[in-house]
Amino acid sequence: MVVLHYTAMDSAEAALERLCDPQAEVSAHYLICERGRLWQLVGEAGRAWHAGAGRWGAVDDVNSASIGIELANRGDHPFPEPQMRALEALLAGVMDRWRIRPERVIAHSDMAPERKFDPGARFDWRRLARAGLSVWPDAAGGAAGPPDAARFRALAGRIGYDMRAGDTALLAALRLRFRPWGRGPLAAADMGVAADLARRFPVDRGDTSA
């Protein structure tokens, strides 16, 4: 898999220093600054400490089955064009080398919905999907019946979300990725997004590979 993050720090240089500090016990395979400069910090075949506790589908040790990409961003502003272009070029190569499917390019918030929020509501997932580098629902807000918490939870599990997370956390994670404008209780639009993704990109619960 590939897991995308934001650094939540004031500069790429500050993030680079932290990611290279053994005492911090955090790392990533790549860091991309706002201007599009890229640093490789860990070899792609190596294990980086970027994901932490969480799960996606059958994978419960995400660090051992993923490549982590950090984007220099505090989380409160859009991701600049040079940074997005550099990310797209990097992702295309990584996905080709490791035969990673678009649905296995995920957010940190996807695999740890109760504790992480990056890369956040400002990240342009639809742009990546248009380039074949991630996924996006065909009909956000499409008809899928009235809100049904139990069915929503089942659909979220089929997409890959950790079923151990609470209902509120699952809804927040899906909205953060696919409906960042969504507010309030579970809505028909959330059901439509979940149903479409579960139908087109169901996770293989037996697949523990990258």
Protein backbone atom coordinates (compact mmCIF):
# COMPACT_ATOMS: atom_id res chain seq x y z
CA MET A 1 0.00 0.00 0.00
CA VAL A 2 0.87 3.67 -0.02
CA VAL A 3 -0.10 5.88 2.92
CA LEU A 4 -0.18 9.66 2.48
CA HIS A 5 0.47 12.04 5.37
CA TYR A 6 0.95 15.70 6.11
CA THR A 7 3.80 16.77 8.39
CA ALA A 8 1.81 19.26 10.54
CA MET A 9 5.03 21.27 10.93
CA ASP A 10 5.99 24.80 9.93
CA SER A 11 8.49 23.81 7.24
CA ALA A 12 9.74 20.84 5.25
CA GLU A 13 13.19 21.38 6.75
CA ALA A 14 11.83 21.06 10.29
CA ALA A 15 10.01 17.88 9.27
CA LEU A 16 13.16 16.51 7.63
CA GLU A 17 15.13 17.06 10.83
CA ARG A 18 12.51 15.24 12.89
CA LEU A 19 12.17 12.35 10.42
CA CYS A 20 15.94 11.84 10.56
CA ASP A 21 16.16 12.01 14.37
CA PRO A 22 16.45 8.49 15.86
CA GLN A 23 15.06 9.78 19.17
CA ALA A 24 11.79 10.80 17.48
CA GLU A 25 11.10 7.19 16.41
CA VAL A 26 9.21 8.35 13.33
CA SER A 27 10.19 8.11 9.67
CA ALA A 28 8.83 7.87 6.16
CA HIS A 29 10.06 6.66 2.82
CA TYR A 30 9.64 10.05 1.17
CA LEU A 31 9.13 13.71 2.06
CA ILE A 32 7.94 16.29 -0.48
CA CYS A 33 8.21 20.01 0.22
CA GLU A 34 5.81 22.71 -0.95
CA ARG A 35 8.11 23.58 -3.86
CA GLY A 36 8.18 20.00 -5.09
CA ARG A 37 11.61 19.00 -3.80
CA LEU A 38 11.68 15.33 -2.82
CA TRP A 39 13.81 13.54 -0.25
CA GLN A 40 14.01 9.75 -0.01
CA LEU A 41 14.65 8.83 3.62
CA VAL A 42 14.08 5.05 3.61
CA GLY A 43 14.49 2.56 0.78
CA GLU A 44 11.18 1.39 -0.65
CA ALA A 45 11.86 -2.20 0.43
CA GLY A 46 12.60 -1.04 3.98
CA ARG A 47 10.17 -0.59 6.87
CA ALA A 48 9.54 3.01 7.91
CA TRP A 49 7.78 4.12 11.11
CA HIS A 50 5.15 6.30 9.49
CA ALA A 51 1.78 4.64 10.07
CA GLY A 52 1.65 3.49 13.69
CA ALA A 53 -1.28 1.57 15.12
CA GLY A 54 -4.15 0.97 12.75
CA ARG A 55 -5.54 -1.32 10.11
CA TRP A 56 -6.63 -1.42 6.47
CA GLY A 57 -8.50 -4.49 5.32
CA ALA A 58 -6.54 -7.51 6.49
CA VAL A 59 -3.35 -5.51 7.11
CA ASP A 60 -2.82 -4.79 10.80
CA ASP A 61 0.90 -3.97 10.56
CA VAL A 62 0.65 -1.18 8.03
CA ASN A 63 4.28 -0.12 8.48
CA SER A 64 5.42 -3.49 7.14
CA ALA A 65 3.11 -3.42 4.11
CA SER A 66 3.26 0.17 2.92
CA ILE A 67 5.31 3.04 1.56
CA GLY A 68 4.81 6.26 3.50
CA ILE A 69 4.86 9.65 1.80
CA GLU A 70 4.96 12.82 3.93
CA LEU A 71 3.76 16.10 2.41
CA ALA A 72 5.01 19.30 4.01
CA ASN A 73 1.79 20.99 5.08
CA ARG A 74 0.40 22.18 8.41
CA GLY A 75 -3.03 20.83 7.48
CA ASP A 76 -4.67 24.25 7.28
CA HIS A 77 -3.98 25.23 3.66
CA PRO A 78 -4.14 23.68 0.18
CA PHE A 79 -1.28 21.62 -1.22
CA PRO A 80 0.65 23.68 -3.82
CA GLU A 81 0.79 22.71 -7.48
CA PRO A 82 4.56 21.89 -7.52
CA GLN A 83 4.07 19.57 -4.57
CA MET A 84 1.10 17.81 -6.19
CA ARG A 85 2.99 17.34 -9.46
CA ALA A 86 5.95 15.84 -7.61
CA LEU A 87 3.60 13.54 -5.69
CA GLU A 88 1.89 12.37 -8.87
CA ALA A 89 5.22 11.54 -10.52
CA LEU A 90 6.44 9.70 -7.42
CA LEU A 91 3.19 7.76 -6.98
CA ALA A 92 3.14 6.65 -10.60
CA GLY A 93 6.61 5.14 -10.23
CA VAL A 94 5.98 3.54 -6.84
CA MET A 95 2.69 1.99 -7.95
CA ASP A 96 4.28 0.61 -11.10
CA ARG A 97 7.32 -0.84 -9.30
CA TRP A 98 5.25 -2.51 -6.58
CA ARG A 99 2.08 -3.23 -8.59
CA ILE A 100 -0.05 -1.25 -6.17
CA ARG A 101 -3.69 -0.79 -7.14
CA PRO A 102 -5.25 2.69 -6.90
CA GLU A 103 -7.59 1.61 -4.09
CA ARG A 104 -4.53 0.79 -1.97
CA VAL A 105 -3.33 4.39 -1.97
CA ILE A 106 -4.90 5.62 1.25
CA ALA A 107 -4.86 8.41 3.82
CA HIS A 108 -3.31 8.07 7.25
CA SER A 109 -6.78 8.90 8.54
CA ASP A 110 -8.20 5.92 6.63
CA MET A 111 -6.15 3.33 8.49
CA ALA A 112 -6.28 5.07 11.91
CA PRO A 113 -9.70 6.78 11.95
CA GLU A 114 -9.84 7.29 15.71
CA ARG A 115 -6.52 9.11 16.03
CA LYS A 116 -5.32 10.59 12.71
CA PHE A 117 -6.64 13.28 10.35
CA ASP A 118 -3.97 13.61 7.66
CA PRO A 119 -3.56 14.47 4.86
CA GLY A 120 -6.79 16.24 5.74
CA ALA A 121 -9.70 17.99 4.12
CA ARG A 122 -7.51 20.24 1.95
CA PHE A 123 -5.92 17.37 0.05
CA ASP A 124 -7.17 16.82 -3.53
CA TRP A 125 -8.00 13.11 -3.70
CA ARG A 126 -10.20 13.61 -6.74
CA ARG A 127 -7.20 14.88 -8.69
CA LEU A 128 -5.23 11.74 -7.87
CA ALA A 129 -8.17 9.56 -8.88
CA ARG A 130 -8.45 11.30 -12.25
CA ALA A 131 -4.80 10.40 -12.85
CA GLY A 132 -5.44 6.76 -11.88
CA LEU A 133 -3.44 7.16 -8.68
CA SER A 134 -6.28 6.65 -6.19
CA VAL A 135 -10.05 6.19 -6.18
CA TRP A 136 -13.08 8.46 -6.02
CA PRO A 137 -16.81 7.64 -5.87
CA ASP A 138 -18.63 7.81 -9.18
CA ALA A 139 -21.73 9.40 -7.74
CA ALA A 140 -21.11 11.11 -4.42
CA GLY A 141 -24.49 11.41 -2.79
CA GLY A 142 -26.06 8.86 -5.10
CA ALA A 143 -29.16 6.94 -4.07
CA ALA A 144 -28.42 4.19 -1.58
CA GLY A 145 -31.46 4.24 0.62
CA PRO A 146 -32.00 6.15 3.86
CA PRO A 147 -29.25 6.49 6.49
CA ASP A 148 -28.66 3.15 8.18
CA ALA A 149 -25.83 3.02 10.71
CA ALA A 150 -25.45 -0.76 10.63
CA ARG A 151 -25.35 -0.88 6.83
CA PHE A 152 -22.93 2.05 6.70
CA ARG A 153 -20.59 0.22 9.07
CA ALA A 154 -20.75 -2.92 6.92
CA LEU A 155 -20.02 -0.91 3.77
CA ALA A 156 -17.10 0.86 5.44
CA GLY A 157 -15.66 -2.52 6.36
CA ARG A 158 -15.93 -3.68 2.75
CA ILE A 159 -13.98 -0.59 1.66
CA GLY A 160 -11.20 -1.42 4.14
CA TYR A 161 -11.91 0.66 7.24
CA ASP A 162 -11.17 -0.85 10.65
CA MET A 163 -14.40 -2.27 12.03
CA ARG A 164 -13.09 -1.80 15.57
CA ALA A 165 -13.50 1.97 15.19
CA GLY A 166 -16.64 3.64 16.47
CA ASP A 167 -19.47 4.81 14.22
CA THR A 168 -18.57 8.47 14.65
CA ALA A 169 -14.92 7.87 13.76
CA LEU A 170 -15.81 5.81 10.67
CA LEU A 171 -18.15 8.49 9.36
CA ALA A 172 -15.61 11.23 10.04
CA ALA A 173 -12.85 9.31 8.24
CA LEU A 174 -14.94 8.61 5.16
CA ARG A 175 -16.08 12.24 5.00
CA LEU A 176 -12.56 13.57 5.49
CA ARG A 177 -11.46 11.60 2.44
CA PHE A 178 -14.51 11.76 0.16
CA ARG A 179 -16.98 14.34 1.53
CA PRO A 180 -15.01 16.94 3.54
CA TRP A 181 -17.94 19.33 3.26
CA GLY A 182 -20.26 16.84 5.02
CA ARG A 183 -21.69 17.85 8.38
CA GLY A 184 -24.16 16.47 10.90
CA PRO A 185 -25.39 12.92 11.37
CA LEU A 186 -25.09 10.11 8.83
CA ALA A 187 -26.82 11.18 5.60
CA ALA A 188 -28.03 9.54 2.40
CA ALA A 189 -25.05 11.10 0.61
CA ASP A 190 -22.64 9.27 2.92
CA MET A 191 -24.51 6.03 2.25
CA GLY A 192 -24.19 6.64 -1.50
CA VAL A 193 -20.44 7.20 -1.32
CA ALA A 194 -19.88 4.12 0.83
CA ALA A 195 -22.09 1.92 -1.34
CA ASP A 196 -20.37 2.98 -4.56
CA LEU A 197 -16.85 2.45 -3.19
CA ALA A 198 -17.77 -0.89 -1.62
CA ARG A 199 -19.24 -2.08 -4.92
CA ARG A 200 -16.33 -1.02 -7.14
CA PHE A 201 -13.35 -1.38 -4.78
CA PRO A 202 -14.11 -4.04 -2.16
CA VAL A 203 -11.08 -4.87 -0.04
CA ASP A 204 -9.74 -8.41 -0.07
CA ARG A 205 -9.75 -9.35 3.61
CA GLY A 206 -7.23 -12.08 2.89
CA ASP A 207 -4.72 -9.75 1.23
CA THR A 208 -2.01 -8.81 3.73
CA SER A 209 0.53 -7.74 1.07
CA ALA A 210 1.56 -4.27 0.02
